[in-house]
Amino acid sequence: MKLVTFQDAAHRSHIGARLDENKIVALNAAFRLHMRDVKKSSSPPFTADQLVPDDMRQFFEAGEAGMNAARAAFDYVTKNNFDSKNTDRIIYYAGEVKIKAPIIPKKFFHTAGNFREHHEEAQKAGFAHPVLPWIMFFQNVDAIIGPEEPVVYPSHLTQELDYELELAVVIKKSGKHFSAAEAPDYIGGYVIFNDITARDIQRREMKSGVFSFCKGIDTFCPLGPHIVTPDEIPDPHNLAMELRVNGERRQTSHSGKMSVKIPQIIAHYSAMGYSAGDVLSTGTVSGVAAFSGDPKAWYLKPGDVMECEIEKIGVLRNPVISWEQAHGERREAVTAYKS
């Protein structure tokens, strides 16, 4: 399934599964219908809300029972004609809803250095620190935005706004201290992450050997467009990856180029403990603006449109807008963050 979070015309939030590019099945309502027609039960609301709640993180917290209930309901809707009279709305059209970030996790494990090609391009560009495996910090979950939502360019903070295409994993269930062999049991799905980075701030932070603020500013965490369950991606290391800016290819690579594989990454950080619905990124590929031949020409600007595409997942599209456009006012430059 391709799991989405969306808002209807009344701004009510739902989780759903894509029937196709134009139709979304509202899973909570579909489960109620399934219980009525198949199980012959007028399921009390708390049962549907517990198993298939209208919040993606709570849905993952419901565990295997929730996923099985959602899948049964989705299969029922897709395979049968049904009378929607006296039921909640089941099918929504993409044009009438707003697709949001698929999940706001409790924790976002931001890992880096898992693609050797990114380390090599950083070295060639004279980056001060190696980008090697086992880099990890926590991303600011309040910075998460969904597809088509704008990245706000805070020109009072940075003049070097960059992109980083990444494959991210949604953790299916809570757990800690498990092995790489056990890691696949903890994978709930895959999603695209665009790691927006203020490079001038990053260089300043890296003088202390750490970075976080440069990647955690408001709107710097596009995530989406949906979560694809593992049954649709049996091998996450066999996916083409591409990021485009205004239609121009900037990053083109393949998930098979990871020098550290996803089970090893997940197992390594399990010592910190996972909660259901946590997100773990797996690092970016080569082609970022900072390490290109002409960084100033490639850095993001207001008016740019980014498209992050990963095979079998889809396209995460986000425009870049100015601070003035977003907030209706100008801000004086913060000199403390200049390189």
C-alpha atoms as a PDB file:
ATOM      1  CA  MET A   1       0.000   0.000   0.000  1.00  0.00           C
ATOM      2  CA  LYS A   2       0.943   3.629  -0.503  1.00  0.00           C
ATOM      3  CA  LEU A   3      -0.118   5.285   2.747  1.00  0.00           C
ATOM      4  CA  VAL A   4      -0.985   8.989   2.792  1.00  0.00           C
ATOM      5  CA  THR A   5      -2.120  11.608   5.251  1.00  0.00           C
ATOM      6  CA  PHE A   6      -4.603  14.076   3.808  1.00  0.00           C
ATOM      7  CA  GLN A   7      -7.045  16.812   4.760  1.00  0.00           C
ATOM      8  CA  ASP A   8     -10.537  16.987   3.314  1.00  0.00           C
ATOM      9  CA  ALA A   9     -12.401  20.183   2.367  1.00  0.00           C
ATOM     10  CA  ALA A  10     -13.460  20.639   5.995  1.00  0.00           C
ATOM     11  CA  HIS A  11      -9.786  20.430   7.095  1.00  0.00           C
ATOM     12  CA  ARG A  12     -10.354  17.104   8.820  1.00  0.00           C
ATOM     13  CA  SER A  13      -7.303  14.847   8.809  1.00  0.00           C
ATOM     14  CA  HIS A  14      -7.419  11.274   7.504  1.00  0.00           C
ATOM     15  CA  ILE A  15      -5.007   8.503   6.669  1.00  0.00           C
ATOM     16  CA  GLY A  16      -5.556   6.709   3.405  1.00  0.00           C
ATOM     17  CA  ALA A  17      -4.113   4.390   0.797  1.00  0.00           C
ATOM     18  CA  ARG A  18      -3.766   5.339  -2.836  1.00  0.00           C
ATOM     19  CA  LEU A  19      -6.120   3.432  -5.110  1.00  0.00           C
ATOM     20  CA  ASP A  20      -4.391   5.070  -8.082  1.00  0.00           C
ATOM     21  CA  GLU A  21      -2.900   8.477  -8.895  1.00  0.00           C
ATOM     22  CA  ASN A  22      -6.319  10.134  -8.638  1.00  0.00           C
ATOM     23  CA  LYS A  23      -8.157   8.219  -5.898  1.00  0.00           C
ATOM     24  CA  ILE A  24      -7.503   7.683  -2.194  1.00  0.00           C
ATOM     25  CA  VAL A  25      -9.284   5.206   0.082  1.00  0.00           C
ATOM     26  CA  ALA A  26      -9.967   6.663   3.545  1.00  0.00           C
ATOM     27  CA  LEU A  27      -8.872   3.725   5.672  1.00  0.00           C
ATOM     28  CA  ASN A  28     -10.855   4.391   8.847  1.00  0.00           C
ATOM     29  CA  ALA A  29     -14.125   4.662   6.905  1.00  0.00           C
ATOM     30  CA  ALA A  30     -13.180   1.680   4.727  1.00  0.00           C
ATOM     31  CA  PHE A  31     -12.586  -0.438   7.813  1.00  0.00           C
ATOM     32  CA  ARG A  32     -16.014   0.474   9.192  1.00  0.00           C
ATOM     33  CA  LEU A  33     -17.566  -0.540   5.869  1.00  0.00           C
ATOM     34  CA  HIS A  34     -15.611  -3.794   5.873  1.00  0.00           C
ATOM     35  CA  MET A  35     -16.814  -4.598   9.382  1.00  0.00           C
ATOM     36  CA  ARG A  36     -20.428  -3.852   8.406  1.00  0.00           C
ATOM     37  CA  ASP A  37     -20.497  -5.801   5.145  1.00  0.00           C
ATOM     38  CA  VAL A  38     -18.030  -8.643   5.690  1.00  0.00           C
ATOM     39  CA  LYS A  39     -17.872  -9.165   9.423  1.00  0.00           C
ATOM     40  CA  LYS A  40     -21.595  -8.322   9.770  1.00  0.00           C
ATOM     41  CA  SER A  41     -20.761  -6.137  12.728  1.00  0.00           C
ATOM     42  CA  SER A  42     -21.769  -2.602  13.512  1.00  0.00           C
ATOM     43  CA  SER A  43     -18.311  -1.955  14.867  1.00  0.00           C
ATOM     44  CA  PRO A  44     -18.310   0.603  17.688  1.00  0.00           C
ATOM     45  CA  PRO A  45     -16.278   3.710  16.789  1.00  0.00           C
ATOM     46  CA  PHE A  46     -13.519   3.037  19.277  1.00  0.00           C
ATOM     47  CA  THR A  47     -12.614  -0.230  17.529  1.00  0.00           C
ATOM     48  CA  ALA A  48     -12.061   1.472  14.170  1.00  0.00           C
ATOM     49  CA  ASP A  49     -10.312   4.393  15.797  1.00  0.00           C
ATOM     50  CA  GLN A  50      -8.001   2.103  17.736  1.00  0.00           C
ATOM     51  CA  LEU A  51      -7.062  -0.173  14.853  1.00  0.00           C
ATOM     52  CA  VAL A  52      -7.113   2.330  11.978  1.00  0.00           C
ATOM     53  CA  PRO A  53      -6.934   5.804  13.549  1.00  0.00           C
ATOM     54  CA  ASP A  54      -6.793   8.961  11.437  1.00  0.00           C
ATOM     55  CA  ASP A  55      -3.217   9.691  12.523  1.00  0.00           C
ATOM     56  CA  MET A  56      -0.329   7.867  10.865  1.00  0.00           C
ATOM     57  CA  ARG A  57       1.877   7.573  13.918  1.00  0.00           C
ATOM     58  CA  GLN A  58      -0.999   6.184  15.976  1.00  0.00           C
ATOM     59  CA  PHE A  59      -1.729   3.806  13.108  1.00  0.00           C
ATOM     60  CA  PHE A  60       1.803   2.371  13.312  1.00  0.00           C
ATOM     61  CA  GLU A  61       1.446   2.194  17.099  1.00  0.00           C
ATOM     62  CA  ALA A  62      -1.579  -0.069  16.549  1.00  0.00           C
ATOM     63  CA  GLY A  63       0.879  -2.668  15.281  1.00  0.00           C
ATOM     64  CA  GLU A  64       0.316  -5.647  13.022  1.00  0.00           C
ATOM     65  CA  ALA A  65      -3.384  -5.800  13.917  1.00  0.00           C
ATOM     66  CA  GLY A  66      -3.888  -2.289  12.615  1.00  0.00           C
ATOM     67  CA  MET A  67      -1.966  -2.939   9.398  1.00  0.00           C
ATOM     68  CA  ASN A  68      -3.905  -6.143   8.772  1.00  0.00           C
ATOM     69  CA  ALA A  69      -7.217  -4.363   9.381  1.00  0.00           C
ATOM     70  CA  ALA A  70      -6.273  -1.563   6.990  1.00  0.00           C
ATOM     71  CA  ARG A  71      -5.128  -3.982   4.310  1.00  0.00           C
ATOM     72  CA  ALA A  72      -8.321  -6.062   4.561  1.00  0.00           C
ATOM     73  CA  ALA A  73     -10.445  -2.921   4.312  1.00  0.00           C
ATOM     74  CA  PHE A  74      -8.433  -1.575   1.369  1.00  0.00           C
ATOM     75  CA  ASP A  75      -8.640  -4.897  -0.483  1.00  0.00           C
ATOM     76  CA  TYR A  76     -12.397  -5.032   0.093  1.00  0.00           C
ATOM     77  CA  VAL A  77     -12.932  -1.561  -1.345  1.00  0.00           C
ATOM     78  CA  THR A  78     -10.694  -2.189  -4.359  1.00  0.00           C
ATOM     79  CA  LYS A  79     -12.226  -5.551  -5.285  1.00  0.00           C
ATOM     80  CA  ASN A  80     -15.927  -4.937  -4.737  1.00  0.00           C
ATOM     81  CA  ASN A  81     -18.689  -2.528  -5.619  1.00  0.00           C
ATOM     82  CA  PHE A  82     -20.406  -1.197  -2.545  1.00  0.00           C
ATOM     83  CA  ASP A  83     -23.279   1.048  -1.537  1.00  0.00           C
ATOM     84  CA  SER A  84     -21.844   4.052   0.292  1.00  0.00           C
ATOM     85  CA  LYS A  85     -25.259   5.168   1.505  1.00  0.00           C
ATOM     86  CA  ASN A  86     -25.373   5.736   5.243  1.00  0.00           C
ATOM     87  CA  THR A  87     -21.612   5.332   5.531  1.00  0.00           C
ATOM     88  CA  ASP A  88     -18.734   7.723   5.916  1.00  0.00           C
ATOM     89  CA  ARG A  89     -17.023   8.949   2.771  1.00  0.00           C
ATOM     90  CA  ILE A  90     -14.789   6.157   1.472  1.00  0.00           C
ATOM     91  CA  ILE A  91     -13.170   7.445  -1.735  1.00  0.00           C
ATOM     92  CA  TYR A  92     -11.574  10.883  -2.134  1.00  0.00           C
ATOM     93  CA  TYR A  93     -10.167  12.397  -5.305  1.00  0.00           C
ATOM     94  CA  ALA A  94      -6.655  13.838  -5.208  1.00  0.00           C
ATOM     95  CA  GLY A  95      -7.839  17.182  -6.554  1.00  0.00           C
ATOM     96  CA  GLU A  96     -10.241  17.770  -3.676  1.00  0.00           C
ATOM     97  CA  VAL A  97      -7.874  17.064  -0.769  1.00  0.00           C
ATOM     98  CA  LYS A  98      -4.586  18.430   0.528  1.00  0.00           C
ATOM     99  CA  ILE A  99      -1.839  15.825   0.822  1.00  0.00           C
ATOM    100  CA  LYS A 100       0.223  16.400   3.958  1.00  0.00           C
ATOM    101  CA  ALA A 101       3.480  14.893   5.177  1.00  0.00           C
ATOM    102  CA  PRO A 102       2.617  11.203   5.629  1.00  0.00           C
ATOM    103  CA  ILE A 103       3.824  11.057   9.233  1.00  0.00           C
ATOM    104  CA  ILE A 104       5.154  13.254  12.031  1.00  0.00           C
ATOM    105  CA  PRO A 105       7.357  10.828  13.952  1.00  0.00           C
ATOM    106  CA  LYS A 106       8.211  10.880  17.622  1.00  0.00           C
ATOM    107  CA  LYS A 107      11.900  10.696  16.626  1.00  0.00           C
ATOM    108  CA  PHE A 108      13.666  11.325  13.322  1.00  0.00           C
ATOM    109  CA  PHE A 109      17.048   9.569  13.181  1.00  0.00           C
ATOM    110  CA  HIS A 110      19.091  11.561  10.677  1.00  0.00           C
ATOM    111  CA  THR A 111      21.972   9.378   9.517  1.00  0.00           C
ATOM    112  CA  ALA A 112      24.672  10.316   7.018  1.00  0.00           C
ATOM    113  CA  GLY A 113      27.767   9.009   5.276  1.00  0.00           C
ATOM    114  CA  ASN A 114      26.205   5.846   3.903  1.00  0.00           C
ATOM    115  CA  PHE A 115      26.951   6.671   0.239  1.00  0.00           C
ATOM    116  CA  ARG A 116      30.687   6.726  -0.475  1.00  0.00           C
ATOM    117  CA  GLU A 117      30.119   8.870  -3.570  1.00  0.00           C
ATOM    118  CA  HIS A 118      28.918  11.753  -1.370  1.00  0.00           C
ATOM    119  CA  HIS A 119      32.061  11.480   0.768  1.00  0.00           C
ATOM    120  CA  GLU A 120      34.226  11.471  -2.344  1.00  0.00           C
ATOM    121  CA  GLU A 121      32.590  14.579  -3.832  1.00  0.00           C
ATOM    122  CA  ALA A 122      32.966  16.342  -0.469  1.00  0.00           C
ATOM    123  CA  GLN A 123      36.680  15.533  -0.417  1.00  0.00           C
ATOM    124  CA  LYS A 124      37.157  16.826  -3.965  1.00  0.00           C
ATOM    125  CA  ALA A 125      35.432  20.072  -2.996  1.00  0.00           C
ATOM    126  CA  GLY A 126      37.714  20.507   0.039  1.00  0.00           C
ATOM    127  CA  PHE A 127      35.009  19.991   2.664  1.00  0.00           C
ATOM    128  CA  ALA A 128      36.567  20.268   6.117  1.00  0.00           C
ATOM    129  CA  HIS A 129      35.240  16.981   7.503  1.00  0.00           C
ATOM    130  CA  PRO A 130      34.913  13.473   5.995  1.00  0.00           C
ATOM    131  CA  VAL A 131      31.354  12.283   5.352  1.00  0.00           C
ATOM    132  CA  LEU A 132      31.754   8.694   6.533  1.00  0.00           C
ATOM    133  CA  PRO A 133      29.293   6.111   7.916  1.00  0.00           C
ATOM    134  CA  TRP A 134      27.918   6.244  11.457  1.00  0.00           C
ATOM    135  CA  ILE A 135      27.076   9.958  11.506  1.00  0.00           C
ATOM    136  CA  MET A 136      23.762  10.434  13.306  1.00  0.00           C
ATOM    137  CA  PHE A 137      21.809  13.282  14.867  1.00  0.00           C
ATOM    138  CA  PHE A 138      18.137  13.976  15.474  1.00  0.00           C
ATOM    139  CA  GLN A 139      16.175  15.980  12.936  1.00  0.00           C
ATOM    140  CA  ASN A 140      13.723  18.672  14.061  1.00  0.00           C
ATOM    141  CA  VAL A 141      10.305  17.073  13.500  1.00  0.00           C
ATOM    142  CA  ASP A 142       8.634  20.509  13.649  1.00  0.00           C
ATOM    143  CA  ALA A 143      10.464  21.339  10.390  1.00  0.00           C
ATOM    144  CA  ILE A 144       8.622  18.592   8.475  1.00  0.00           C
ATOM    145  CA  ILE A 145       6.521  19.661   5.493  1.00  0.00           C
ATOM    146  CA  GLY A 146       4.629  17.609   2.936  1.00  0.00           C
ATOM    147  CA  PRO A 147       4.465  17.456  -0.858  1.00  0.00           C
ATOM    148  CA  GLU A 148       3.847  20.753  -2.684  1.00  0.00           C
ATOM    149  CA  GLU A 149       4.388  22.711   0.543  1.00  0.00           C
ATOM    150  CA  PRO A 150       7.030  25.442   0.201  1.00  0.00           C
ATOM    151  CA  VAL A 151      10.526  25.483   1.608  1.00  0.00           C
ATOM    152  CA  VAL A 152      10.955  28.993   2.985  1.00  0.00           C
ATOM    153  CA  TYR A 153      14.317  30.568   2.123  1.00  0.00           C
ATOM    154  CA  PRO A 154      15.447  32.446   5.282  1.00  0.00           C
ATOM    155  CA  SER A 155      17.779  34.889   3.539  1.00  0.00           C
ATOM    156  CA  HIS A 156      18.501  36.646   6.846  1.00  0.00           C
ATOM    157  CA  LEU A 157      20.165  33.393   8.004  1.00  0.00           C
ATOM    158  CA  THR A 158      21.728  31.846   4.890  1.00  0.00           C
ATOM    159  CA  GLN A 159      22.817  32.570   1.342  1.00  0.00           C
ATOM    160  CA  GLU A 160      23.705  28.955   0.507  1.00  0.00           C
ATOM    161  CA  LEU A 161      20.576  26.825   0.477  1.00  0.00           C
ATOM    162  CA  ASP A 162      21.144  23.263  -0.709  1.00  0.00           C
ATOM    163  CA  TYR A 163      19.182  20.046  -1.300  1.00  0.00           C
ATOM    164  CA  GLU A 164      19.926  16.394  -0.471  1.00  0.00           C
ATOM    165  CA  LEU A 165      17.833  13.524  -1.838  1.00  0.00           C
ATOM    166  CA  GLU A 166      17.470  10.643   0.628  1.00  0.00           C
ATOM    167  CA  LEU A 167      15.612   7.381   1.039  1.00  0.00           C
ATOM    168  CA  ALA A 168      14.097   7.126   4.517  1.00  0.00           C
ATOM    169  CA  VAL A 169      12.677   4.204   6.474  1.00  0.00           C
ATOM    170  CA  VAL A 170       9.599   4.259   8.708  1.00  0.00           C
ATOM    171  CA  ILE A 171      10.026   2.031  11.761  1.00  0.00           C
ATOM    172  CA  LYS A 172       7.117  -0.373  12.177  1.00  0.00           C
ATOM    173  CA  LYS A 173       7.311  -1.173  15.884  1.00  0.00           C
ATOM    174  CA  SER A 174       9.175  -0.309  19.043  1.00  0.00           C
ATOM    175  CA  GLY A 175      12.382  -2.162  19.821  1.00  0.00           C
ATOM    176  CA  LYS A 176      16.001  -1.892  20.863  1.00  0.00           C
ATOM    177  CA  HIS A 177      19.280  -3.815  20.729  1.00  0.00           C
ATOM    178  CA  PHE A 178      18.399  -6.045  17.780  1.00  0.00           C
ATOM    179  CA  SER A 179      20.592  -7.486  15.017  1.00  0.00           C
ATOM    180  CA  ALA A 180      20.795  -6.708  11.306  1.00  0.00           C
ATOM    181  CA  ALA A 181      19.150 -10.073  10.640  1.00  0.00           C
ATOM    182  CA  GLU A 182      16.175  -8.978  12.740  1.00  0.00           C
ATOM    183  CA  ALA A 183      16.011  -5.450  11.256  1.00  0.00           C
ATOM    184  CA  PRO A 184      13.613  -6.229   8.353  1.00  0.00           C
ATOM    185  CA  ASP A 185      10.931  -7.073  10.933  1.00  0.00           C
ATOM    186  CA  TYR A 186      11.107  -3.441  12.061  1.00  0.00           C
ATOM    187  CA  ILE A 187      10.620  -1.845   8.638  1.00  0.00           C
ATOM    188  CA  GLY A 188       7.141  -0.415   8.181  1.00  0.00           C
ATOM    189  CA  GLY A 189       7.723   1.374   4.906  1.00  0.00           C
ATOM    190  CA  TYR A 190       9.815   3.707   2.777  1.00  0.00           C
ATOM    191  CA  VAL A 191       9.461   7.414   2.082  1.00  0.00           C
ATOM    192  CA  ILE A 192      11.397  10.204   0.334  1.00  0.00           C
ATOM    193  CA  PHE A 193      13.243  12.827   2.392  1.00  0.00           C
ATOM    194  CA  ASN A 194      14.801  16.044   1.055  1.00  0.00           C
ATOM    195  CA  ASP A 195      17.466  17.155   3.526  1.00  0.00           C
ATOM    196  CA  ILE A 196      17.496  20.929   3.004  1.00  0.00           C
ATOM    197  CA  THR A 197      20.771  22.386   4.290  1.00  0.00           C
ATOM    198  CA  ALA A 198      22.163  25.889   4.865  1.00  0.00           C
ATOM    199  CA  ARG A 199      25.783  25.246   3.851  1.00  0.00           C
ATOM    200  CA  ASP A 200      27.220  28.500   5.219  1.00  0.00           C
ATOM    201  CA  ILE A 201      25.722  27.735   8.631  1.00  0.00           C
ATOM    202  CA  GLN A 202      26.919  24.136   8.319  1.00  0.00           C
ATOM    203  CA  ARG A 203      30.515  25.221   7.776  1.00  0.00           C
ATOM    204  CA  ARG A 204      30.349  27.306  10.930  1.00  0.00           C
ATOM    205  CA  GLU A 205      28.872  24.447  12.937  1.00  0.00           C
ATOM    206  CA  MET A 206      31.393  21.969  11.578  1.00  0.00           C
ATOM    207  CA  LYS A 207      34.212  23.944  13.205  1.00  0.00           C
ATOM    208  CA  SER A 208      32.955  22.307  16.382  1.00  0.00           C
ATOM    209  CA  GLY A 209      32.552  18.964  14.621  1.00  0.00           C
ATOM    210  CA  VAL A 210      28.755  18.908  14.854  1.00  0.00           C
ATOM    211  CA  PHE A 211      25.813  20.187  12.847  1.00  0.00           C
ATOM    212  CA  SER A 212      22.102  20.383  13.440  1.00  0.00           C
ATOM    213  CA  PHE A 213      20.774  23.951  13.157  1.00  0.00           C
ATOM    214  CA  CYS A 214      21.789  24.124   9.484  1.00  0.00           C
ATOM    215  CA  LYS A 215      19.396  21.260   8.703  1.00  0.00           C
ATOM    216  CA  GLY A 216      16.653  21.828  11.261  1.00  0.00           C
ATOM    217  CA  ILE A 217      15.303  25.281  10.361  1.00  0.00           C
ATOM    218  CA  ASP A 218      11.550  25.569   9.802  1.00  0.00           C
ATOM    219  CA  THR A 219      10.395  23.904   6.507  1.00  0.00           C
ATOM    220  CA  PHE A 220      13.830  22.294   5.942  1.00  0.00           C
ATOM    221  CA  CYS A 221      12.424  18.747   6.141  1.00  0.00           C
ATOM    222  CA  PRO A 222      10.221  17.834   3.140  1.00  0.00           C
ATOM    223  CA  LEU A 223       8.884  14.295   3.570  1.00  0.00           C
ATOM    224  CA  GLY A 224       6.578  12.289   1.323  1.00  0.00           C
ATOM    225  CA  PRO A 225       4.674  11.923  -0.867  1.00  0.00           C
ATOM    226  CA  HIS A 226       3.485   8.748   0.868  1.00  0.00           C
ATOM    227  CA  ILE A 227       4.808   5.735   2.772  1.00  0.00           C
ATOM    228  CA  VAL A 228       5.220   2.627   0.620  1.00  0.00           C
ATOM    229  CA  THR A 229       4.860  -0.614   2.572  1.00  0.00           C
ATOM    230  CA  PRO A 230       7.706  -3.167   2.283  1.00  0.00           C
ATOM    231  CA  ASP A 231       5.680  -5.696   0.284  1.00  0.00           C
ATOM    232  CA  GLU A 232       5.828  -3.248  -2.654  1.00  0.00           C
ATOM    233  CA  ILE A 233       9.598  -2.725  -2.297  1.00  0.00           C
ATOM    234  CA  PRO A 234      11.132  -6.149  -1.627  1.00  0.00           C
ATOM    235  CA  ASP A 235      14.670  -4.818  -2.255  1.00  0.00           C
ATOM    236  CA  PRO A 236      15.277  -1.221  -1.101  1.00  0.00           C
ATOM    237  CA  HIS A 237      18.811  -1.435  -2.523  1.00  0.00           C
ATOM    238  CA  ASN A 238      17.521  -1.650  -6.094  1.00  0.00           C
ATOM    239  CA  LEU A 239      15.960   1.769  -6.577  1.00  0.00           C
ATOM    240  CA  ALA A 240      16.891   4.522  -9.022  1.00  0.00           C
ATOM    241  CA  MET A 241      17.184   7.941  -7.337  1.00  0.00           C
ATOM    242  CA  GLU A 242      17.021  11.390  -8.921  1.00  0.00           C
ATOM    243  CA  LEU A 243      16.620  14.991  -7.785  1.00  0.00           C
ATOM    244  CA  ARG A 244      15.726  17.750 -10.236  1.00  0.00           C
ATOM    245  CA  VAL A 245      15.642  21.530  -9.839  1.00  0.00           C
ATOM    246  CA  ASN A 246      13.411  23.278 -12.362  1.00  0.00           C
ATOM    247  CA  GLY A 247      13.493  20.082 -14.414  1.00  0.00           C
ATOM    248  CA  GLU A 248      17.310  19.939 -14.495  1.00  0.00           C
ATOM    249  CA  ARG A 249      18.901  16.768 -13.147  1.00  0.00           C
ATOM    250  CA  ARG A 250      21.146  17.490 -10.174  1.00  0.00           C
ATOM    251  CA  GLN A 251      21.432  14.187  -8.307  1.00  0.00           C
ATOM    252  CA  THR A 252      21.235  10.880 -10.193  1.00  0.00           C
ATOM    253  CA  SER A 253      22.194   7.667  -8.441  1.00  0.00           C
ATOM    254  CA  HIS A 254      20.963   4.325  -7.135  1.00  0.00           C
ATOM    255  CA  SER A 255      20.212   2.960  -3.672  1.00  0.00           C
ATOM    256  CA  GLY A 256      22.433  -0.028  -4.479  1.00  0.00           C
ATOM    257  CA  LYS A 257      25.449   2.258  -4.046  1.00  0.00           C
ATOM    258  CA  MET A 258      25.050   2.386  -0.252  1.00  0.00           C
ATOM    259  CA  SER A 259      28.302   1.362   1.392  1.00  0.00           C
ATOM    260  CA  VAL A 260      26.371   0.459   4.545  1.00  0.00           C
ATOM    261  CA  LYS A 261      23.082  -1.347   3.987  1.00  0.00           C
ATOM    262  CA  ILE A 262      19.737  -0.515   5.556  1.00  0.00           C
ATOM    263  CA  PRO A 263      19.527  -3.513   7.971  1.00  0.00           C
ATOM    264  CA  GLN A 264      22.970  -2.612   9.357  1.00  0.00           C
ATOM    265  CA  ILE A 265      22.002   1.044   9.783  1.00  0.00           C
ATOM    266  CA  ILE A 266      18.726   0.217  11.546  1.00  0.00           C
ATOM    267  CA  ALA A 267      20.358  -2.362  13.812  1.00  0.00           C
ATOM    268  CA  HIS A 268      23.254  -0.073  14.726  1.00  0.00           C
ATOM    269  CA  TYR A 269      21.008   2.711  16.013  1.00  0.00           C
ATOM    270  CA  SER A 270      18.563   0.346  17.715  1.00  0.00           C
ATOM    271  CA  ALA A 271      20.717   0.750  20.817  1.00  0.00           C
ATOM    272  CA  MET A 272      18.980   4.138  21.217  1.00  0.00           C
ATOM    273  CA  GLY A 273      15.540   2.537  21.112  1.00  0.00           C
ATOM    274  CA  TYR A 274      12.861   2.951  18.449  1.00  0.00           C
ATOM    275  CA  SER A 275       9.200   3.851  18.774  1.00  0.00           C
ATOM    276  CA  ALA A 276       6.588   2.799  16.227  1.00  0.00           C
ATOM    277  CA  GLY A 277       6.462   5.388  13.461  1.00  0.00           C
ATOM    278  CA  ASP A 278       9.983   6.734  13.955  1.00  0.00           C
ATOM    279  CA  VAL A 279      11.756   7.764  10.746  1.00  0.00           C
ATOM    280  CA  LEU A 280      15.379   6.978   9.872  1.00  0.00           C
ATOM    281  CA  SER A 281      17.107   8.563   6.878  1.00  0.00           C
ATOM    282  CA  THR A 282      19.876   6.756   5.002  1.00  0.00           C
ATOM    283  CA  GLY A 283      22.076   9.554   3.642  1.00  0.00           C
ATOM    284  CA  THR A 284      22.332  11.407   0.357  1.00  0.00           C
ATOM    285  CA  VAL A 285      23.981  10.680  -2.979  1.00  0.00           C
ATOM    286  CA  SER A 286      26.397  12.789  -5.027  1.00  0.00           C
ATOM    287  CA  GLY A 287      25.327  15.908  -6.899  1.00  0.00           C
ATOM    288  CA  VAL A 288      24.583  18.430  -4.148  1.00  0.00           C
ATOM    289  CA  ALA A 289      25.070  22.103  -5.053  1.00  0.00           C
ATOM    290  CA  ALA A 290      27.837  22.723  -2.502  1.00  0.00           C
ATOM    291  CA  PHE A 291      30.171  20.189  -4.098  1.00  0.00           C
ATOM    292  CA  SER A 292      29.391  21.039  -7.723  1.00  0.00           C
ATOM    293  CA  GLY A 293      31.631  22.951 -10.092  1.00  0.00           C
ATOM    294  CA  ASP A 294      29.555  26.103  -9.623  1.00  0.00           C
ATOM    295  CA  PRO A 295      27.893  26.123  -6.194  1.00  0.00           C
ATOM    296  CA  LYS A 296      26.585  29.699  -6.433  1.00  0.00           C
ATOM    297  CA  ALA A 297      24.722  28.864  -9.641  1.00  0.00           C
ATOM    298  CA  TRP A 298      23.328  25.650  -8.180  1.00  0.00           C
ATOM    299  CA  TYR A 299      22.251  26.841  -4.721  1.00  0.00           C
ATOM    300  CA  LEU A 300      18.498  27.087  -4.360  1.00  0.00           C
ATOM    301  CA  LYS A 301      16.708  30.391  -4.926  1.00  0.00           C
ATOM    302  CA  PRO A 302      13.122  31.572  -4.421  1.00  0.00           C
ATOM    303  CA  GLY A 303      11.079  30.435  -7.396  1.00  0.00           C
ATOM    304  CA  ASP A 304      12.932  27.129  -7.788  1.00  0.00           C
ATOM    305  CA  VAL A 305      10.993  23.862  -7.769  1.00  0.00           C
ATOM    306  CA  MET A 306      12.591  20.657  -6.484  1.00  0.00           C
ATOM    307  CA  GLU A 307      11.457  17.187  -7.523  1.00  0.00           C
ATOM    308  CA  CYS A 308      12.824  14.223  -5.587  1.00  0.00           C
ATOM    309  CA  GLU A 309      12.108  10.916  -7.270  1.00  0.00           C
ATOM    310  CA  ILE A 310      12.829   7.395  -6.057  1.00  0.00           C
ATOM    311  CA  GLU A 311      11.782   4.371  -8.059  1.00  0.00           C
ATOM    312  CA  LYS A 312       8.688   2.540  -6.735  1.00  0.00           C
ATOM    313  CA  ILE A 313       7.941   5.394  -4.322  1.00  0.00           C
ATOM    314  CA  GLY A 314       7.144   8.399  -6.483  1.00  0.00           C
ATOM    315  CA  VAL A 315       7.957  12.095  -6.638  1.00  0.00           C
ATOM    316  CA  LEU A 316       8.220  14.544  -3.739  1.00  0.00           C
ATOM    317  CA  ARG A 317       7.805  18.049  -5.169  1.00  0.00           C
ATOM    318  CA  ASN A 318       8.411  21.281  -3.232  1.00  0.00           C
ATOM    319  CA  PRO A 319       8.771  24.895  -4.374  1.00  0.00           C
ATOM    320  CA  VAL A 320      11.152  27.365  -2.751  1.00  0.00           C
ATOM    321  CA  ILE A 321       9.710  30.727  -1.701  1.00  0.00           C
ATOM    322  CA  SER A 322      11.229  33.819  -0.109  1.00  0.00           C
ATOM    323  CA  TRP A 323      10.880  34.760   3.533  1.00  0.00           C
ATOM    324  CA  GLU A 324       8.993  37.879   2.425  1.00  0.00           C
ATOM    325  CA  GLN A 325       6.520  35.822   0.419  1.00  0.00           C
ATOM    326  CA  ALA A 326       5.912  33.490   3.352  1.00  0.00           C
ATOM    327  CA  HIS A 327       5.751  36.079   6.133  1.00  0.00           C
ATOM    328  CA  GLY A 328       5.011  39.387   4.449  1.00  0.00           C
ATOM    329  CA  GLU A 329       8.014  41.162   5.904  1.00  0.00           C
ATOM    330  CA  ARG A 330      11.781  41.405   5.594  1.00  0.00           C
ATOM    331  CA  ARG A 331      14.257  40.399   8.272  1.00  0.00           C
ATOM    332  CA  GLU A 332      17.643  41.902   8.951  1.00  0.00           C
ATOM    333  CA  ALA A 333      20.577  39.554   8.344  1.00  0.00           C
ATOM    334  CA  VAL A 334      21.777  37.641  11.379  1.00  0.00           C
ATOM    335  CA  THR A 335      25.504  38.288  11.235  1.00  0.00           C
ATOM    336  CA  ALA A 336      26.354  35.571  13.752  1.00  0.00           C
ATOM    337  CA  TYR A 337      25.619  32.942  11.117  1.00  0.00           C
ATOM    338  CA  LYS A 338      27.725  34.368   8.322  1.00  0.00           C
ATOM    339  CA  SER A 339      30.724  32.265   7.296  1.00  0.00           C
END
